[in-house]
Amino acid sequence: MTKNFRETLNEQMRDPEFQNEWDSLDVEFQIIKAMLDGRSEQQVTQSELSRLTGIAQGDISKIENGGANPSVKTLSRLANGLGKKLKITFEKSL
């Protein structure tokens, strides 16, 4: 029987080193998910978002693939292009 992603992830999360690395990437995952969800909601391609924001399509692709570390200014432009407002909060750690 093959394992699905969630089962494999749950196994890996038992390793404290893996858990720490996963947690350190949480903000990146949230940004990627927000962008993909926003583009889906607005039904815009990366190219269309590029045209709306003036951000190169290649740079949008890098952000969505986790290969870039966008500035707050860039995130704000992307949010605006998706008809959204960027909101950043500091929350208490668990």
PDB file of N, CA and C in Angstrom:
ATOM      1  N   MET A   1       0.846  -1.178   0.000  1.00  0.00           N
ATOM      2  CA  MET A   1       0.000   0.000   0.000  1.00  0.00           C
ATOM      3  C   MET A   1       0.892   1.242   0.000  1.00  0.00           C
ATOM      4  N   THR A   2       0.604   2.192  -0.844  1.00  0.00           N
ATOM      5  CA  THR A   2       1.400   3.408  -0.902  1.00  0.00           C
ATOM      6  C   THR A   2       0.837   4.461   0.043  1.00  0.00           C
ATOM      7  N   LYS A   3       1.728   5.279   0.535  1.00  0.00           N
ATOM      8  CA  LYS A   3       1.337   6.352   1.444  1.00  0.00           C
ATOM      9  C   LYS A   3       1.023   7.609   0.646  1.00  0.00           C
ATOM     10  N   ASN A   4       0.074   8.382   1.152  1.00  0.00           N
ATOM     11  CA  ASN A   4      -0.194   9.661   0.515  1.00  0.00           C
ATOM     12  C   ASN A   4       0.697  10.724   1.153  1.00  0.00           C
ATOM     13  N   PHE A   5       0.624  11.919   0.628  1.00  0.00           N
ATOM     14  CA  PHE A   5       1.479  13.005   1.113  1.00  0.00           C
ATOM     15  C   PHE A   5       1.291  13.259   2.600  1.00  0.00           C
ATOM     16  N   ARG A   6       0.038  13.355   3.031  1.00  0.00           N
ATOM     17  CA  ARG A   6      -0.261  13.672   4.438  1.00  0.00           C
ATOM     18  C   ARG A   6       0.314  12.606   5.378  1.00  0.00           C
ATOM     19  N   GLU A   7       0.181  11.331   5.024  1.00  0.00           N
ATOM     20  CA  GLU A   7       0.721  10.253   5.866  1.00  0.00           C
ATOM     21  C   GLU A   7       2.249  10.344   5.954  1.00  0.00           C
ATOM     22  N   THR A   8       2.877  10.591   4.822  1.00  0.00           N
ATOM     23  CA  THR A   8       4.334  10.722   4.807  1.00  0.00           C
ATOM     24  C   THR A   8       4.772  11.943   5.607  1.00  0.00           C
ATOM     25  N   LEU A   9       4.063  13.054   5.433  1.00  0.00           N
ATOM     26  CA  LEU A   9       4.394  14.266   6.187  1.00  0.00           C
ATOM     27  C   LEU A   9       4.242  14.030   7.684  1.00  0.00           C
ATOM     28  N   ASN A  10       3.163  13.406   8.096  1.00  0.00           N
ATOM     29  CA  ASN A  10       2.950  13.133   9.523  1.00  0.00           C
ATOM     30  C   ASN A  10       4.078  12.286  10.104  1.00  0.00           C
ATOM     31  N   GLU A  11       4.560  11.327   9.337  1.00  0.00           N
ATOM     32  CA  GLU A  11       5.701  10.514   9.784  1.00  0.00           C
ATOM     33  C   GLU A  11       6.950  11.380   9.956  1.00  0.00           C
ATOM     34  N   GLN A  12       7.216  12.208   8.959  1.00  0.00           N
ATOM     35  CA  GLN A  12       8.402  13.058   8.987  1.00  0.00           C
ATOM     36  C   GLN A  12       8.347  14.070  10.130  1.00  0.00           C
ATOM     37  N   MET A  13       7.144  14.527  10.475  1.00  0.00           N
ATOM     38  CA  MET A  13       6.986  15.537  11.528  1.00  0.00           C
ATOM     39  C   MET A  13       7.379  15.007  12.902  1.00  0.00           C
ATOM     40  N   ARG A  14       7.512  13.713  13.022  1.00  0.00           N
ATOM     41  CA  ARG A  14       7.968  13.128  14.303  1.00  0.00           C
ATOM     42  C   ARG A  14       9.455  13.403  14.552  1.00  0.00           C
ATOM     43  N   ASP A  15      10.162  13.735  13.493  1.00  0.00           N
ATOM     44  CA  ASP A  15      11.581  14.066  13.601  1.00  0.00           C
ATOM     45  C   ASP A  15      11.703  15.550  13.957  1.00  0.00           C
ATOM     46  N   PRO A  16      12.242  15.871  15.156  1.00  0.00           N
ATOM     47  CA  PRO A  16      12.313  17.275  15.583  1.00  0.00           C
ATOM     48  C   PRO A  16      13.072  18.181  14.599  1.00  0.00           C
ATOM     49  N   GLU A  17      14.113  17.669  13.984  1.00  0.00           N
ATOM     50  CA  GLU A  17      14.876  18.475  13.025  1.00  0.00           C
ATOM     51  C   GLU A  17      14.006  18.807  11.803  1.00  0.00           C
ATOM     52  N   PHE A  18      13.287  17.819  11.310  1.00  0.00           N
ATOM     53  CA  PHE A  18      12.387  18.046  10.180  1.00  0.00           C
ATOM     54  C   PHE A  18      11.285  19.035  10.575  1.00  0.00           C
ATOM     55  N   GLN A  19      10.716  18.849  11.766  1.00  0.00           N
ATOM     56  CA  GLN A  19       9.646  19.717  12.265  1.00  0.00           C
ATOM     57  C   GLN A  19      10.123  21.172  12.330  1.00  0.00           C
ATOM     58  N   ASN A  20      11.328  21.393  12.836  1.00  0.00           N
ATOM     59  CA  ASN A  20      11.869  22.752  12.926  1.00  0.00           C
ATOM     60  C   ASN A  20      12.042  23.379  11.548  1.00  0.00           C
ATOM     61  N   GLU A  21      12.545  22.600  10.605  1.00  0.00           N
ATOM     62  CA  GLU A  21      12.743  23.116   9.246  1.00  0.00           C
ATOM     63  C   GLU A  21      11.392  23.425   8.598  1.00  0.00           C
ATOM     64  N   TRP A  22      10.430  22.533   8.768  1.00  0.00           N
ATOM     65  CA  TRP A  22       9.082  22.749   8.224  1.00  0.00           C
ATOM     66  C   TRP A  22       8.483  24.039   8.794  1.00  0.00           C
ATOM     67  N   ASP A  23       8.588  24.193  10.105  1.00  0.00           N
ATOM     68  CA  ASP A  23       8.037  25.379  10.770  1.00  0.00           C
ATOM     69  C   ASP A  23       8.710  26.659  10.282  1.00  0.00           C
ATOM     70  N   SER A  24      10.004  26.577  10.001  1.00  0.00           N
ATOM     71  CA  SER A  24      10.727  27.770   9.554  1.00  0.00           C
ATOM     72  C   SER A  24      10.267  28.217   8.162  1.00  0.00           C
ATOM     73  N   LEU A  25       9.654  27.317   7.410  1.00  0.00           N
ATOM     74  CA  LEU A  25       9.181  27.642   6.065  1.00  0.00           C
ATOM     75  C   LEU A  25       7.705  28.029   6.029  1.00  0.00           C
ATOM     76  N   ASP A  26       7.046  28.046   7.189  1.00  0.00           N
ATOM     77  CA  ASP A  26       5.606  28.293   7.244  1.00  0.00           C
ATOM     78  C   ASP A  26       5.204  29.613   6.592  1.00  0.00           C
ATOM     79  N   VAL A  27       5.945  30.666   6.843  1.00  0.00           N
ATOM     80  CA  VAL A  27       5.591  31.970   6.267  1.00  0.00           C
ATOM     81  C   VAL A  27       5.672  31.911   4.741  1.00  0.00           C
ATOM     82  N   GLU A  28       6.700  31.264   4.218  1.00  0.00           N
ATOM     83  CA  GLU A  28       6.809  31.120   2.760  1.00  0.00           C
ATOM     84  C   GLU A  28       5.612  30.368   2.204  1.00  0.00           C
ATOM     85  N   PHE A  29       5.232  29.279   2.873  1.00  0.00           N
ATOM     86  CA  PHE A  29       4.083  28.497   2.417  1.00  0.00           C
ATOM     87  C   PHE A  29       2.810  29.340   2.440  1.00  0.00           C
ATOM     88  N   GLN A  30       2.650  30.174   3.453  1.00  0.00           N
ATOM     89  CA  GLN A  30       1.471  31.029   3.543  1.00  0.00           C
ATOM     90  C   GLN A  30       1.427  32.034   2.388  1.00  0.00           C
ATOM     91  N   ILE A  31       2.575  32.601   2.061  1.00  0.00           N
ATOM     92  CA  ILE A  31       2.648  33.561   0.949  1.00  0.00           C
ATOM     93  C   ILE A  31       2.297  32.867  -0.364  1.00  0.00           C
ATOM     94  N   ILE A  32       2.901  31.705  -0.593  1.00  0.00           N
ATOM     95  CA  ILE A  32       2.643  30.957  -1.824  1.00  0.00           C
ATOM     96  C   ILE A  32       1.158  30.615  -1.932  1.00  0.00           C
ATOM     97  N   LYS A  33       0.580  30.109  -0.857  1.00  0.00           N
ATOM     98  CA  LYS A  33      -0.842  29.744  -0.866  1.00  0.00           C
ATOM     99  C   LYS A  33      -1.717  30.968  -1.117  1.00  0.00           C
ATOM    100  N   ALA A  34      -1.398  32.084  -0.476  1.00  0.00           N
ATOM    101  CA  ALA A  34      -2.187  33.301  -0.661  1.00  0.00           C
ATOM    102  C   ALA A  34      -2.137  33.768  -2.115  1.00  0.00           C
ATOM    103  N   MET A  35      -0.961  33.688  -2.729  1.00  0.00           N
ATOM    104  CA  MET A  35      -0.844  34.103  -4.128  1.00  0.00           C
ATOM    105  C   MET A  35      -1.621  33.174  -5.049  1.00  0.00           C
ATOM    106  N   LEU A  36      -1.455  31.871  -4.856  1.00  0.00           N
ATOM    107  CA  LEU A  36      -2.161  30.918  -5.711  1.00  0.00           C
ATOM    108  C   LEU A  36      -3.672  31.027  -5.527  1.00  0.00           C
ATOM    109  N   ASP A  37      -4.113  31.150  -4.283  1.00  0.00           N
ATOM    110  CA  ASP A  37      -5.545  31.307  -4.020  1.00  0.00           C
ATOM    111  C   ASP A  37      -6.065  32.610  -4.625  1.00  0.00           C
ATOM    112  N   GLY A  38      -5.305  33.690  -4.474  1.00  0.00           N
ATOM    113  CA  GLY A  38      -5.704  34.983  -5.019  1.00  0.00           C
ATOM    114  C   GLY A  38      -5.799  34.960  -6.537  1.00  0.00           C
ATOM    115  N   ARG A  39      -4.825  34.336  -7.180  1.00  0.00           N
ATOM    116  CA  ARG A  39      -4.877  34.253  -8.644  1.00  0.00           C
ATOM    117  C   ARG A  39      -6.048  33.402  -9.099  1.00  0.00           C
ATOM    118  N   SER A  40      -6.314  32.332  -8.363  1.00  0.00           N
ATOM    119  CA  SER A  40      -7.445  31.467  -8.695  1.00  0.00           C
ATOM    120  C   SER A  40      -8.773  32.214  -8.530  1.00  0.00           C
ATOM    121  N   GLU A  41      -8.921  32.927  -7.422  1.00  0.00           N
ATOM    122  CA  GLU A  41     -10.142  33.694  -7.171  1.00  0.00           C
ATOM    123  C   GLU A  41     -10.382  34.741  -8.247  1.00  0.00           C
ATOM    124  N   GLN A  42      -9.313  35.427  -8.633  1.00  0.00           N
ATOM    125  CA  GLN A  42      -9.428  36.496  -9.635  1.00  0.00           C
ATOM    126  C   GLN A  42      -9.340  35.964 -11.066  1.00  0.00           C
ATOM    127  N   GLN A  43      -9.012  34.677 -11.183  1.00  0.00           N
ATOM    128  CA  GLN A  43      -8.855  34.031 -12.492  1.00  0.00           C
ATOM    129  C   GLN A  43      -7.860  34.782 -13.369  1.00  0.00           C
ATOM    130  N   VAL A  44      -6.681  35.048 -12.778  1.00  0.00           N
ATOM    131  CA  VAL A  44      -5.615  35.707 -13.542  1.00  0.00           C
ATOM    132  C   VAL A  44      -4.399  34.790 -13.616  1.00  0.00           C
ATOM    133  N   THR A  45      -3.743  34.833 -14.736  1.00  0.00           N
ATOM    134  CA  THR A  45      -2.502  34.084 -14.918  1.00  0.00           C
ATOM    135  C   THR A  45      -1.343  34.879 -14.333  1.00  0.00           C
ATOM    136  N   GLN A  46      -0.195  34.249 -14.263  1.00  0.00           N
ATOM    137  CA  GLN A  46       1.003  34.967 -13.829  1.00  0.00           C
ATOM    138  C   GLN A  46       1.283  36.126 -14.777  1.00  0.00           C
ATOM    139  N   SER A  47       1.098  35.908 -16.058  1.00  0.00           N
ATOM    140  CA  SER A  47       1.342  36.971 -17.047  1.00  0.00           C
ATOM    141  C   SER A  47       0.405  38.146 -16.829  1.00  0.00           C
ATOM    142  N   GLU A  48      -0.865  37.863 -16.553  1.00  0.00           N
ATOM    143  CA  GLU A  48      -1.823  38.937 -16.311  1.00  0.00           C
ATOM    144  C   GLU A  48      -1.482  39.682 -15.025  1.00  0.00           C
ATOM    145  N   LEU A  49      -1.083  38.943 -13.991  1.00  0.00           N
ATOM    146  CA  LEU A  49      -0.688  39.580 -12.732  1.00  0.00           C
ATOM    147  C   LEU A  49       0.554  40.437 -12.953  1.00  0.00           C
ATOM    148  N   SER A  50       1.439  39.978 -13.784  1.00  0.00           N
ATOM    149  CA  SER A  50       2.633  40.749 -14.124  1.00  0.00           C
ATOM    150  C   SER A  50       2.245  42.078 -14.759  1.00  0.00           C
ATOM    151  N   ARG A  51       1.316  42.025 -15.698  1.00  0.00           N
ATOM    152  CA  ARG A  51       0.858  43.242 -16.369  1.00  0.00           C
ATOM    153  C   ARG A  51       0.197  44.203 -15.375  1.00  0.00           C
ATOM    154  N   LEU A  52      -0.579  43.647 -14.433  1.00  0.00           N
ATOM    155  CA  LEU A  52      -1.284  44.478 -13.449  1.00  0.00           C
ATOM    156  C   LEU A  52      -0.343  45.132 -12.435  1.00  0.00           C
ATOM    157  N   THR A  53       0.767  44.465 -12.135  1.00  0.00           N
ATOM    158  CA  THR A  53       1.649  44.927 -11.065  1.00  0.00           C
ATOM    159  C   THR A  53       2.965  45.522 -11.536  1.00  0.00           C
ATOM    160  N   GLY A  54       3.352  45.227 -12.768  1.00  0.00           N
ATOM    161  CA  GLY A  54       4.660  45.653 -13.242  1.00  0.00           C
ATOM    162  C   GLY A  54       5.793  44.771 -12.733  1.00  0.00           C
ATOM    163  N   ILE A  55       5.442  43.653 -12.114  1.00  0.00           N
ATOM    164  CA  ILE A  55       6.436  42.691 -11.629  1.00  0.00           C
ATOM    165  C   ILE A  55       6.614  41.631 -12.711  1.00  0.00           C
ATOM    166  N   ALA A  56       7.841  41.329 -13.054  1.00  0.00           N
ATOM    167  CA  ALA A  56       8.105  40.365 -14.117  1.00  0.00           C
ATOM    168  C   ALA A  56       7.443  39.022 -13.818  1.00  0.00           C
ATOM    169  N   GLN A  57       6.879  38.408 -14.866  1.00  0.00           N
ATOM    170  CA  GLN A  57       6.220  37.114 -14.710  1.00  0.00           C
ATOM    171  C   GLN A  57       7.181  36.078 -14.134  1.00  0.00           C
ATOM    172  N   GLY A  58       8.433  36.125 -14.547  1.00  0.00           N
ATOM    173  CA  GLY A  58       9.435  35.195 -14.017  1.00  0.00           C
ATOM    174  C   GLY A  58       9.626  35.356 -12.518  1.00  0.00           C
ATOM    175  N   ASP A  59       9.563  36.598 -12.049  1.00  0.00           N
ATOM    176  CA  ASP A  59       9.697  36.848 -10.609  1.00  0.00           C
ATOM    177  C   ASP A  59       8.474  36.331  -9.847  1.00  0.00           C
ATOM    178  N   ILE A  60       7.298  36.481 -10.442  1.00  0.00           N
ATOM    179  CA  ILE A  60       6.081  35.950  -9.823  1.00  0.00           C
ATOM    180  C   ILE A  60       6.188  34.430  -9.726  1.00  0.00           C
ATOM    181  N   SER A  61       6.671  33.812 -10.789  1.00  0.00           N
ATOM    182  CA  SER A  61       6.864  32.361 -10.795  1.00  0.00           C
ATOM    183  C   SER A  61       7.831  31.927  -9.699  1.00  0.00           C
ATOM    184  N   LYS A  62       8.943  32.650  -9.564  1.00  0.00           N
ATOM    185  CA  LYS A  62       9.926  32.311  -8.525  1.00  0.00           C
ATOM    186  C   LYS A  62       9.314  32.403  -7.133  1.00  0.00           C
ATOM    187  N   ILE A  63       8.508  33.425  -6.883  1.00  0.00           N
ATOM    188  CA  ILE A  63       7.865  33.581  -5.576  1.00  0.00           C
ATOM    189  C   ILE A  63       6.928  32.406  -5.334  1.00  0.00           C
ATOM    190  N   GLU A  64       6.114  32.067  -6.335  1.00  0.00           N
ATOM    191  CA  GLU A  64       5.145  30.984  -6.180  1.00  0.00           C
ATOM    192  C   GLU A  64       5.803  29.620  -6.046  1.00  0.00           C
ATOM    193  N   ASN A  65       7.031  29.495  -6.516  1.00  0.00           N
ATOM    194  CA  ASN A  65       7.751  28.229  -6.406  1.00  0.00           C
ATOM    195  C   ASN A  65       8.700  28.196  -5.217  1.00  0.00           C
ATOM    196  N   GLY A  66       8.673  29.230  -4.394  1.00  0.00           N
ATOM    197  CA  GLY A  66       9.527  29.266  -3.210  1.00  0.00           C
ATOM    198  C   GLY A  66      10.972  29.602  -3.504  1.00  0.00           C
ATOM    199  N   GLY A  67      11.243  30.116  -4.693  1.00  0.00           N
ATOM    200  CA  GLY A  67      12.614  30.412  -5.078  1.00  0.00           C
ATOM    201  C   GLY A  67      13.006  31.870  -4.936  1.00  0.00           C
ATOM    202  N   ALA A  68      12.166  32.661  -4.283  1.00  0.00           N
ATOM    203  CA  ALA A  68      12.468  34.082  -4.117  1.00  0.00           C
ATOM    204  C   ALA A  68      12.009  34.535  -2.740  1.00  0.00           C
ATOM    205  N   ASN A  69      12.608  35.596  -2.269  1.00  0.00           N
ATOM    206  CA  ASN A  69      12.257  36.175  -0.975  1.00  0.00           C
ATOM    207  C   ASN A  69      11.785  37.608  -1.235  1.00  0.00           C
ATOM    208  N   PRO A  70      10.472  37.770  -1.524  1.00  0.00           N
ATOM    209  CA  PRO A  70       9.984  39.090  -1.927  1.00  0.00           C
ATOM    210  C   PRO A  70       9.976  40.096  -0.783  1.00  0.00           C
ATOM    211  N   SER A  71      10.165  41.345  -1.141  1.00  0.00           N
ATOM    212  CA  SER A  71      10.102  42.429  -0.154  1.00  0.00           C
ATOM    213  C   SER A  71       8.648  42.702   0.207  1.00  0.00           C
ATOM    214  N   VAL A  72       8.453  43.448   1.274  1.00  0.00           N
ATOM    215  CA  VAL A  72       7.107  43.852   1.671  1.00  0.00           C
ATOM    216  C   VAL A  72       6.486  44.698   0.552  1.00  0.00           C
ATOM    217  N   LYS A  73       7.281  45.549  -0.067  1.00  0.00           N
ATOM    218  CA  LYS A  73       6.787  46.379  -1.167  1.00  0.00           C
ATOM    219  C   LYS A  73       6.276  45.508  -2.313  1.00  0.00           C
ATOM    220  N   THR A  74       7.016  44.470  -2.661  1.00  0.00           N
ATOM    221  CA  THR A  74       6.604  43.558  -3.731  1.00  0.00           C
ATOM    222  C   THR A  74       5.328  42.826  -3.338  1.00  0.00           C
ATOM    223  N   LEU A  75       5.265  42.337  -2.113  1.00  0.00           N
ATOM    224  CA  LEU A  75       4.060  41.640  -1.649  1.00  0.00           C
ATOM    225  C   LEU A  75       2.850  42.564  -1.683  1.00  0.00           C
ATOM    226  N   SER A  76       3.055  43.814  -1.325  1.00  0.00           N
ATOM    227  CA  SER A  76       1.968  44.791  -1.350  1.00  0.00           C
ATOM    228  C   SER A  76       1.480  45.021  -2.780  1.00  0.00           C
ATOM    229  N   ARG A  77       2.399  45.131  -3.716  1.00  0.00           N
ATOM    230  CA  ARG A  77       2.028  45.312  -5.131  1.00  0.00           C
ATOM    231  C   ARG A  77       1.258  44.099  -5.645  1.00  0.00           C
ATOM    232  N   LEU A  78       1.705  42.897  -5.251  1.00  0.00           N
ATOM    233  CA  LEU A  78       1.012  41.680  -5.669  1.00  0.00           C
ATOM    234  C   LEU A  78      -0.392  41.620  -5.083  1.00  0.00           C
ATOM    235  N   ALA A  79      -0.509  41.923  -3.795  1.00  0.00           N
ATOM    236  CA  ALA A  79      -1.822  41.929  -3.143  1.00  0.00           C
ATOM    237  C   ALA A  79      -2.746  42.913  -3.845  1.00  0.00           C
ATOM    238  N   ASN A  80      -2.247  44.106  -4.102  1.00  0.00           N
ATOM    239  CA  ASN A  80      -3.032  45.133  -4.781  1.00  0.00           C
ATOM    240  C   ASN A  80      -3.477  44.658  -6.161  1.00  0.00           C
ATOM    241  N   GLY A  81      -2.575  44.016  -6.871  1.00  0.00           N
ATOM    242  CA  GLY A  81      -2.902  43.496  -8.198  1.00  0.00           C
ATOM    243  C   GLY A  81      -3.973  42.417  -8.167  1.00  0.00           C
ATOM    244  N   LEU A  82      -4.090  41.757  -7.022  1.00  0.00           N
ATOM    245  CA  LEU A  82      -5.109  40.722  -6.847  1.00  0.00           C
ATOM    246  C   LEU A  82      -6.371  41.260  -6.180  1.00  0.00           C
ATOM    247  N   GLY A  83      -6.433  42.596  -6.040  1.00  0.00           N
ATOM    248  CA  GLY A  83      -7.607  43.208  -5.423  1.00  0.00           C
ATOM    249  C   GLY A  83      -7.675  42.980  -3.928  1.00  0.00           C
ATOM    250  N   LYS A  84      -6.508  42.819  -3.324  1.00  0.00           N
ATOM    251  CA  LYS A  84      -6.433  42.538  -1.891  1.00  0.00           C
ATOM    252  C   LYS A  84      -5.541  43.565  -1.201  1.00  0.00           C
ATOM    253  N   LYS A  85      -5.520  43.489   0.103  1.00  0.00           N
ATOM    254  CA  LYS A  85      -4.663  44.352   0.913  1.00  0.00           C
ATOM    255  C   LYS A  85      -3.697  43.448   1.675  1.00  0.00           C
ATOM    256  N   LEU A  86      -2.432  43.823   1.693  1.00  0.00           N
ATOM    257  CA  LEU A  86      -1.443  43.060   2.448  1.00  0.00           C
ATOM    258  C   LEU A  86      -1.610  43.347   3.928  1.00  0.00           C
ATOM    259  N   LYS A  87      -1.645  42.296   4.728  1.00  0.00           N
ATOM    260  CA  LYS A  87      -1.761  42.432   6.182  1.00  0.00           C
ATOM    261  C   LYS A  87      -0.672  41.561   6.799  1.00  0.00           C
ATOM    262  N   ILE A  88       0.165  42.176   7.620  1.00  0.00           N
ATOM    263  CA  ILE A  88       1.233  41.451   8.304  1.00  0.00           C
ATOM    264  C   ILE A  88       1.003  41.583   9.796  1.00  0.00           C
ATOM    265  N   THR A  89       1.067  40.474  10.489  1.00  0.00           N
ATOM    266  CA  THR A  89       0.887  40.505  11.942  1.00  0.00           C
ATOM    267  C   THR A  89       2.009  39.747  12.624  1.00  0.00           C
ATOM    268  N   PHE A  90       2.282  40.123  13.841  1.00  0.00           N
ATOM    269  CA  PHE A  90       3.187  39.375  14.690  1.00  0.00           C
ATOM    270  C   PHE A  90       2.306  38.638  15.684  1.00  0.00           C
ATOM    271  N   GLU A  91       2.429  37.335  15.731  1.00  0.00           N
ATOM    272  CA  GLU A  91       1.604  36.531  16.618  1.00  0.00           C
ATOM    273  C   GLU A  91       2.475  35.804  17.614  1.00  0.00           C
ATOM    274  N   LYS A  92       1.901  35.496  18.740  1.00  0.00           N
ATOM    275  CA  LYS A  92       2.615  34.785  19.784  1.00  0.00           C
ATOM    276  C   LYS A  92       3.001  33.387  19.300  1.00  0.00           C
ATOM    277  N   SER A  93       4.246  33.001  19.549  1.00  0.00           N
ATOM    278  CA  SER A  93       4.715  31.664  19.174  1.00  0.00           C
ATOM    279  C   SER A  93       4.104  30.628  20.099  1.00  0.00           C
ATOM    280  N   LEU A  94       3.968  29.433  19.560  1.00  0.00           N
ATOM    281  CA  LEU A  94       3.450  28.335  20.376  1.00  0.00           C
ATOM    282  C   LEU A  94       4.508  27.756  21.257  1.00  0.00           C
TER     283      LEU A  94
END
